[in-house]
């Protein structure tokens, strides 16, 4: 732990040194000007002489670059802005002291130096530095854990399918590190495919954890249970297991779950409170509208699947409400308007569809997760 003392007066340096040495502070570094301080820290170069500076004691009035300007320069650099700066000065102007504190200084001590006052302010500043360092270390650990969680979350999303029967792909644009949208598709047998897109309540860690919980049971639920209605009821049962008495709200998600049979040229679906998907079946356009409430919101669900046929070609576009919110800036959008917007884009890849519909949208300005899934039978 180093304390840097910046003063153009050697006598002042010796006074401060004597006080600090007697109090047990021995790792002291001296600089006769702000420029010398910059050289020690490597402010304007890559050569760093001191990497563990814990505190800077600095004179306010110095030639060339004064203490106030030096403080502003350090505060503007992310490498040094957390190092506490205590001004040791003979300037008694209260407005000047206020300006120094506004520039980022932690404290100040007036000359002639009162030993007890200086040591008390040093201890206070070092406690602050220790707390800042603890928070930075914790934030770094949390960031690393969030990055790992994001990678795990992305890894369980289904990879694109392009086989002799069907083509399924998606684009996912989360609004934060961890998101609440999830999609998956699973081949049930040679000609049948189960596809689900869901939007979990909330964002962040809790939504991500619940998504991971559901993803762990989806494959088995979809491939094992041939009855779609029973599969949705099973998911509802799992979600209701998450309810805690102390929580004021239940965890729930909206979803569209469908099974496509490329041999029989049919697809069945359940829309559990999700925005209506759009199916282009030959020359018809079908809206995949609600058939039951959100999954996990209530203990019981009245689930009714719907069945549609096609003869030659089937294109389906599913999306989460982050897409419609971004289009209308949070307002409701008529389904017919969305059909019109998507009609000439159904031949594009999902990422191209999003890019054309939301050319200026990115993760820094979007308010919700955006996910779009495209299904095309062959």
Protein backbone atom coordinates (compact mmCIF):
# COMPACT_ATOMS: atom_id res chain seq x y z
CA UNK A 1 0.00 0.00 0.00
CA UNK A 2 1.58 3.26 -1.17
CA UNK A 3 0.76 6.82 -0.23
CA UNK A 4 1.94 9.43 -2.72
CA UNK A 5 2.79 12.87 -1.33
CA UNK A 6 2.77 15.66 -3.92
CA UNK A 7 4.22 19.01 -2.84
CA UNK A 8 6.70 21.38 -4.45
CA UNK A 9 8.05 22.35 -1.02
CA UNK A 10 10.60 19.91 0.40
CA UNK A 11 10.04 21.11 3.97
CA UNK A 12 6.34 20.29 3.70
CA UNK A 13 7.21 16.84 2.40
CA UNK A 14 9.44 16.21 5.42
CA UNK A 15 6.72 17.30 7.86
CA UNK A 16 4.18 14.95 6.31
CA UNK A 17 6.73 12.14 6.18
CA UNK A 18 7.53 12.49 9.89
CA UNK A 19 3.85 12.42 10.84
CA UNK A 20 3.09 9.37 8.69
CA UNK A 21 6.19 7.40 9.65
CA UNK A 22 5.42 7.84 13.33
CA UNK A 23 1.88 6.57 12.70
CA UNK A 24 3.23 3.45 10.96
CA UNK A 25 2.84 4.50 7.32
CA UNK A 26 6.24 3.74 5.76
CA UNK A 27 5.50 3.07 2.09
CA UNK A 28 5.65 6.71 0.99
CA UNK A 29 6.42 8.08 -2.47
CA UNK A 30 7.24 11.75 -3.05
CA UNK A 31 6.57 13.94 -6.08
CA UNK A 32 7.56 17.59 -6.38
CA UNK A 33 4.96 18.43 -9.04
CA UNK A 34 1.81 17.20 -10.69
CA UNK A 35 3.88 16.16 -13.71
CA UNK A 36 6.06 13.97 -11.47
CA UNK A 37 2.86 12.42 -10.11
CA UNK A 38 1.69 11.68 -13.65
CA UNK A 39 5.04 10.04 -14.41
CA UNK A 40 4.80 7.85 -11.31
CA UNK A 41 1.29 6.67 -12.18
CA UNK A 42 1.89 6.46 -15.92
CA UNK A 43 -0.94 8.86 -16.72
CA UNK A 44 0.46 9.89 -20.10
CA UNK A 45 2.52 6.81 -20.86
CA UNK A 46 2.51 3.03 -20.49
CA UNK A 47 5.38 3.10 -18.00
CA UNK A 48 3.85 2.68 -14.54
CA UNK A 49 6.16 3.00 -11.55
CA UNK A 50 3.49 2.50 -8.87
CA UNK A 51 0.48 0.22 -9.36
CA UNK A 52 -0.87 -0.01 -5.82
CA UNK A 53 -1.34 3.64 -4.84
CA UNK A 54 -3.95 3.77 -2.08
CA UNK A 55 -3.96 7.50 -1.38
CA UNK A 56 -2.64 10.80 -2.71
CA UNK A 57 -1.83 13.75 -0.43
CA UNK A 58 -1.50 16.76 -2.70
CA UNK A 59 -0.75 20.45 -2.36
CA UNK A 60 -3.38 22.65 -3.99
CA UNK A 61 -1.06 25.45 -5.15
CA UNK A 62 1.77 24.18 -7.38
CA UNK A 63 3.53 25.62 -10.47
CA UNK A 64 2.59 24.59 -14.03
CA UNK A 65 -0.27 22.20 -13.18
CA UNK A 66 -1.96 22.99 -9.86
CA UNK A 67 -3.58 20.43 -7.61
CA UNK A 68 -7.09 21.19 -8.83
CA UNK A 69 -6.21 20.53 -12.47
CA UNK A 70 -4.23 17.42 -11.53
CA UNK A 71 -7.25 16.10 -9.61
CA UNK A 72 -9.50 16.62 -12.64
CA UNK A 73 -7.05 14.76 -14.89
CA UNK A 74 -6.90 11.78 -12.52
CA UNK A 75 -10.67 11.70 -12.09
CA UNK A 76 -11.11 11.59 -15.85
CA UNK A 77 -9.01 8.42 -16.09
CA UNK A 78 -10.75 5.17 -15.09
CA UNK A 79 -7.44 3.77 -13.82
CA UNK A 80 -7.08 6.43 -11.13
CA UNK A 81 -10.51 7.85 -10.38
CA UNK A 82 -10.95 5.59 -7.33
CA UNK A 83 -7.72 6.71 -5.63
CA UNK A 84 -8.72 9.08 -2.79
CA UNK A 85 -7.11 12.53 -2.97
CA UNK A 86 -6.66 14.67 0.14
CA UNK A 87 -5.56 18.23 -0.47
CA UNK A 88 -3.02 19.56 2.04
CA UNK A 89 -3.09 23.32 1.54
CA UNK A 90 -2.67 26.75 3.06
CA UNK A 91 -5.48 28.15 0.90
CA UNK A 92 -8.32 29.13 3.21
CA UNK A 93 -10.80 30.13 0.52
CA UNK A 94 -13.97 28.10 1.16
CA UNK A 95 -15.09 28.44 -2.46
CA UNK A 96 -11.74 27.02 -3.59
CA UNK A 97 -12.17 24.09 -1.23
CA UNK A 98 -15.68 23.49 -2.55
CA UNK A 99 -14.30 23.54 -6.08
CA UNK A 100 -11.66 21.00 -5.09
CA UNK A 101 -14.27 18.65 -3.63
CA UNK A 102 -16.45 19.07 -6.71
CA UNK A 103 -13.44 18.10 -8.84
CA UNK A 104 -13.31 14.73 -7.07
CA UNK A 105 -11.12 15.24 -4.00
CA UNK A 106 -12.07 13.15 -0.99
CA UNK A 107 -11.09 15.68 1.67
CA UNK A 108 -8.70 18.47 2.57
CA UNK A 109 -6.43 19.46 5.47
CA UNK A 110 -5.32 23.01 6.20
CA UNK A 111 -1.71 24.08 6.83
CA UNK A 112 -0.13 24.32 9.30
CA UNK A 113 -0.91 20.62 9.60
CA UNK A 114 -2.65 19.29 12.67
CA UNK A 115 -1.24 15.78 13.12
CA UNK A 116 -4.38 14.23 14.63
CA UNK A 117 -6.60 15.77 11.99
CA UNK A 118 -4.38 14.59 9.12
CA UNK A 119 -4.23 11.01 10.42
CA UNK A 120 -7.97 10.89 11.01
CA UNK A 121 -8.68 12.04 7.48
CA UNK A 122 -6.15 9.54 6.08
CA UNK A 123 -7.81 6.68 7.97
CA UNK A 124 -11.21 7.77 6.67
CA UNK A 125 -9.94 7.95 3.09
CA UNK A 126 -8.25 4.54 3.31
CA UNK A 127 -11.44 2.99 4.66
CA UNK A 128 -13.29 4.45 1.69
CA UNK A 129 -10.67 3.08 -0.70
CA UNK A 130 -10.90 -0.36 0.86
CA UNK A 131 -14.68 -0.35 0.47
CA UNK A 132 -14.44 0.82 -3.14
CA UNK A 133 -11.92 -1.94 -3.91
CA UNK A 134 -14.20 -4.52 -2.29
CA UNK A 135 -17.14 -3.42 -4.38
CA UNK A 136 -15.03 -3.41 -7.56
CA UNK A 137 -13.81 -6.93 -6.85
CA UNK A 138 -17.34 -8.10 -6.12
CA UNK A 139 -18.63 -6.46 -9.30
CA UNK A 140 -15.90 -8.15 -11.32
CA UNK A 141 -16.82 -11.53 -9.85
CA UNK A 142 -20.48 -10.87 -10.54
CA UNK A 143 -19.73 -9.81 -14.11
CA UNK A 144 -17.76 -13.00 -14.70
CA UNK A 145 -20.59 -15.10 -13.26
CA UNK A 146 -23.14 -13.27 -15.41
CA UNK A 147 -21.00 -13.89 -18.47
CA UNK A 148 -20.82 -17.57 -17.64
CA UNK A 149 -24.59 -17.68 -17.03
CA UNK A 150 -25.17 -15.96 -20.38
CA UNK A 151 -23.00 -18.53 -22.16
CA UNK A 152 -24.84 -21.38 -20.45
CA UNK A 153 -28.19 -19.81 -21.33
CA UNK A 154 -27.21 -19.42 -24.98
CA UNK A 155 -25.82 -22.95 -25.12
CA UNK A 156 -29.22 -24.55 -24.39
CA UNK A 157 -30.98 -22.68 -27.19
CA UNK A 158 -31.68 -24.97 -30.12
CA UNK A 159 -29.40 -24.85 -33.13
CA UNK A 160 -30.92 -24.18 -36.55
CA UNK A 161 -32.39 -27.16 -38.38
CA UNK A 162 -32.27 -27.55 -42.17
CA UNK A 163 -33.08 -31.12 -43.18
CA UNK A 164 -35.17 -32.83 -45.85
CA UNK A 165 -38.43 -32.01 -44.06
CA UNK A 166 -38.15 -28.65 -42.39
CA UNK A 167 -36.10 -25.52 -41.83
CA UNK A 168 -36.16 -23.83 -38.40
CA UNK A 169 -34.03 -20.86 -37.33
CA UNK A 170 -34.20 -17.93 -34.95
CA UNK A 171 -32.70 -14.59 -33.99
CA UNK A 172 -32.36 -13.54 -30.38
CA UNK A 173 -31.51 -9.99 -29.34
CA UNK A 174 -31.58 -9.72 -25.53
CA UNK A 175 -31.91 -6.33 -23.86
CA UNK A 176 -29.55 -7.24 -21.01
CA UNK A 177 -26.90 -9.74 -19.97
CA UNK A 178 -29.50 -12.30 -18.95
CA UNK A 179 -32.85 -12.46 -20.63
CA UNK A 180 -36.26 -14.08 -20.26
CA UNK A 181 -36.98 -15.30 -23.80
CA UNK A 182 -36.35 -18.91 -24.76
CA UNK A 183 -36.91 -21.04 -27.82
CA UNK A 184 -36.41 -24.71 -28.55
CA UNK A 185 -37.32 -27.33 -31.12
CA UNK A 186 -37.12 -31.09 -30.86
CA UNK A 187 -37.60 -33.87 -33.44
CA UNK A 188 -40.29 -36.14 -32.05
CA UNK A 189 -40.04 -38.76 -34.77
CA UNK A 190 -39.05 -38.89 -38.43
CA UNK A 191 -41.71 -36.44 -39.61
CA UNK A 192 -42.86 -34.60 -36.48
CA UNK A 193 -41.19 -31.62 -34.84
CA UNK A 194 -42.09 -29.86 -31.61
CA UNK A 195 -41.37 -26.10 -31.51
CA UNK A 196 -41.79 -23.73 -28.57
CA UNK A 197 -41.15 -20.02 -28.07
CA UNK A 198 -41.69 -18.58 -24.61
CA UNK A 199 -41.35 -15.24 -22.88
CA UNK A 200 -40.63 -15.45 -19.16
CA UNK A 201 -41.97 -12.85 -16.76
CA UNK A 202 -39.32 -10.27 -15.90
CA UNK A 203 -35.67 -9.94 -16.84
CA UNK A 204 -32.26 -10.58 -15.36
CA UNK A 205 -31.10 -13.38 -13.10
CA UNK A 206 -34.49 -14.62 -11.85
CA UNK A 207 -35.99 -14.83 -15.35
CA UNK A 208 -32.86 -16.54 -16.65
CA UNK A 209 -32.87 -19.13 -13.85
CA UNK A 210 -36.52 -19.99 -14.45
CA UNK A 211 -35.80 -20.26 -18.19
CA UNK A 212 -33.00 -22.72 -17.46
CA UNK A 213 -35.32 -24.66 -15.18
CA UNK A 214 -37.95 -24.97 -17.91
CA UNK A 215 -35.37 -25.76 -20.60
CA UNK A 216 -34.18 -28.73 -18.52
CA UNK A 217 -37.60 -30.37 -18.74
CA UNK A 218 -38.78 -29.25 -22.18
CA UNK A 219 -37.17 -31.93 -24.32
CA UNK A 220 -38.51 -34.78 -22.22
CA UNK A 221 -41.95 -33.20 -21.89
CA UNK A 222 -42.33 -32.51 -25.62
CA UNK A 223 -40.88 -35.77 -26.93
CA UNK A 224 -42.46 -38.01 -24.28
CA UNK A 225 -45.99 -36.61 -24.22
CA UNK A 226 -47.74 -37.00 -27.56
CA UNK A 227 -50.78 -35.06 -26.33
CA UNK A 228 -49.99 -31.32 -26.64
CA UNK A 229 -52.60 -30.34 -24.09
CA UNK A 230 -51.13 -32.68 -21.49
CA UNK A 231 -47.63 -31.36 -22.25
CA UNK A 232 -48.77 -27.78 -21.55
CA UNK A 233 -50.49 -28.87 -18.33
CA UNK A 234 -47.26 -30.60 -17.30
CA UNK A 235 -45.30 -27.38 -17.86
CA UNK A 236 -47.89 -25.51 -15.82
CA UNK A 237 -47.45 -28.02 -13.00
CA UNK A 238 -43.70 -27.52 -13.00
CA UNK A 239 -44.09 -23.75 -12.94
CA UNK A 240 -46.50 -23.87 -10.03
CA UNK A 241 -43.87 -25.74 -8.03
CA UNK A 242 -41.83 -22.52 -8.03
CA UNK A 243 -44.44 -20.57 -6.08
CA UNK A 244 -43.19 -19.32 -2.71
CA UNK A 245 -45.52 -18.10 0.00
CA UNK A 246 -43.47 -14.97 0.67
CA UNK A 247 -43.59 -13.90 -2.97
CA UNK A 248 -46.33 -11.49 -4.00
CA UNK A 249 -46.29 -12.72 -7.59
CA UNK A 250 -46.03 -16.08 -9.32
CA UNK A 251 -43.45 -16.93 -11.93
CA UNK A 252 -45.09 -17.50 -15.28
CA UNK A 253 -44.43 -17.34 -19.00
CA UNK A 254 -46.38 -16.93 -22.21
CA UNK A 255 -45.65 -19.38 -24.99
CA UNK A 256 -46.58 -20.76 -28.37
CA UNK A 257 -46.06 -24.51 -28.57
CA UNK A 258 -46.65 -26.33 -31.84
CA UNK A 259 -46.15 -29.74 -33.38
CA UNK A 260 -45.63 -29.90 -37.14
CA UNK A 261 -46.20 -33.14 -39.07
CA UNK A 262 -44.49 -32.82 -42.43
CA UNK A 263 -45.93 -36.09 -43.71
CA UNK A 264 -49.56 -35.45 -42.77
CA UNK A 265 -49.16 -31.74 -43.71
CA UNK A 266 -50.66 -30.58 -40.45
CA UNK A 267 -49.63 -28.53 -37.48
CA UNK A 268 -51.20 -28.26 -34.07
CA UNK A 269 -50.55 -25.48 -31.64
CA UNK A 270 -51.36 -24.06 -28.23
CA UNK A 271 -51.01 -20.33 -27.64
CA UNK A 272 -50.65 -19.72 -23.90
CA UNK A 273 -51.19 -15.96 -23.65
CA UNK A 274 -48.46 -15.21 -26.22
CA UNK A 275 -48.58 -12.69 -29.09
CA UNK A 276 -50.28 -14.33 -32.06
CA UNK A 277 -47.88 -16.07 -34.41
CA UNK A 278 -48.44 -15.88 -38.15
CA UNK A 279 -48.82 -18.96 -40.36
CA UNK A 280 -48.64 -18.69 -44.15
CA UNK A 281 -50.30 -21.96 -45.20
CA UNK A 282 -50.26 -22.12 -49.00
CA UNK A 283 -52.25 -19.02 -50.01
CA UNK A 284 -53.87 -18.53 -46.58
CA UNK A 285 -52.75 -16.43 -43.65
CA UNK A 286 -53.67 -17.74 -40.21
CA UNK A 287 -53.16 -15.93 -36.91
CA UNK A 288 -52.14 -18.32 -34.13
CA UNK A 289 -54.30 -16.71 -31.46
CA UNK A 290 -54.74 -17.43 -27.75
CA UNK A 291 -56.06 -20.81 -26.69
CA UNK A 292 -55.33 -20.61 -22.95
CA UNK A 293 -53.77 -18.37 -20.30
CA UNK A 294 -50.11 -17.96 -19.43
CA UNK A 295 -48.28 -20.99 -18.06
CA UNK A 296 -47.68 -20.88 -14.30
CA UNK A 297 -50.02 -17.98 -13.61
CA UNK A 298 -52.80 -20.21 -12.24
CA UNK A 299 -52.92 -23.69 -10.76
CA UNK A 300 -55.28 -24.91 -13.46
CA UNK A 301 -55.43 -24.22 -17.18
CA UNK A 302 -58.19 -24.82 -19.68
CA UNK A 303 -55.99 -25.87 -22.60
CA UNK A 304 -57.38 -26.33 -26.09
CA UNK A 305 -55.12 -27.07 -29.01
CA UNK A 306 -55.90 -25.95 -32.54
CA UNK A 307 -55.18 -27.86 -35.74
CA UNK A 308 -54.47 -26.51 -39.21
CA UNK A 309 -53.74 -28.14 -42.57
CA UNK A 310 -51.63 -27.14 -45.52
CA UNK A 311 -51.10 -28.73 -48.93
CA UNK A 312 -47.75 -27.60 -50.25
CA UNK A 313 -45.92 -24.94 -48.31
CA UNK A 314 -46.00 -23.74 -44.74
CA UNK A 315 -44.19 -20.70 -43.33
CA UNK A 316 -44.59 -19.73 -39.67
CA UNK A 317 -43.23 -16.67 -37.90
CA UNK A 318 -43.27 -16.56 -34.11
CA UNK A 319 -42.06 -13.61 -32.05
CA UNK A 320 -42.03 -12.20 -28.54
CA UNK A 321 -43.67 -8.93 -27.57
CA UNK A 322 -40.30 -7.19 -27.53
CA UNK A 323 -40.59 -7.02 -31.32
CA UNK A 324 -43.99 -5.34 -31.37
CA UNK A 325 -43.01 -3.01 -28.52
CA UNK A 326 -39.97 -1.90 -30.47
CA UNK A 327 -42.00 -1.32 -33.64
CA UNK A 328 -44.63 0.82 -31.93
CA UNK A 329 -42.42 2.14 -29.09
CA UNK A 330 -44.38 0.35 -26.39
CA UNK A 331 -47.87 0.76 -27.89
CA UNK A 332 -50.17 -1.99 -29.08
CA UNK A 333 -49.90 -3.03 -32.71
CA UNK A 334 -52.81 -4.45 -34.72
CA UNK A 335 -52.23 -8.02 -35.87
CA UNK A 336 -53.27 -7.06 -39.39
CA UNK A 337 -50.61 -4.36 -39.47
CA UNK A 338 -47.94 -6.80 -38.37
CA UNK A 339 -49.05 -9.29 -41.03
CA UNK A 340 -48.62 -6.56 -43.63
CA UNK A 341 -45.15 -5.70 -42.33
CA UNK A 342 -44.05 -9.33 -42.40
CA UNK A 343 -45.75 -10.42 -45.60
CA UNK A 344 -42.91 -9.61 -48.00
CA UNK A 345 -40.22 -10.64 -45.50
CA UNK A 346 -41.14 -14.25 -44.84
CA UNK A 347 -38.52 -15.41 -47.34
CA UNK A 348 -35.72 -13.70 -45.39
CA UNK A 349 -33.60 -15.08 -42.59
CA UNK A 350 -34.78 -14.12 -39.06
CA UNK A 351 -31.88 -11.71 -38.50
CA UNK A 352 -32.65 -9.98 -41.82
CA UNK A 353 -36.31 -9.64 -40.85
CA UNK A 354 -35.39 -7.92 -37.58
CA UNK A 355 -32.87 -5.68 -39.32
CA UNK A 356 -35.40 -4.49 -41.88
CA UNK A 357 -38.19 -3.99 -39.36
CA UNK A 358 -35.99 -2.32 -36.72
CA UNK A 359 -32.99 -0.83 -38.55
CA UNK A 360 -31.98 1.40 -35.62
CA UNK A 361 -32.64 -1.04 -32.78
CA UNK A 362 -29.75 -2.43 -30.74
CA UNK A 363 -29.21 -3.76 -27.23
CA UNK A 364 -28.43 -0.28 -25.87
CA UNK A 365 -31.77 1.29 -26.79
CA UNK A 366 -34.24 -1.62 -26.75
CA UNK A 367 -36.36 -2.00 -23.62
CA UNK A 368 -37.26 -5.68 -23.93
CA UNK A 369 -35.80 -8.90 -25.29
CA UNK A 370 -36.51 -9.46 -28.98
CA UNK A 371 -36.84 -12.96 -30.36
CA UNK A 372 -38.15 -14.19 -33.71
CA UNK A 373 -38.44 -17.82 -34.85
CA UNK A 374 -39.06 -18.84 -38.45
CA UNK A 375 -40.34 -22.27 -39.50
CA UNK A 376 -40.60 -23.48 -43.11
CA UNK A 377 -41.76 -26.90 -44.18
CA UNK A 378 -40.38 -28.42 -47.37
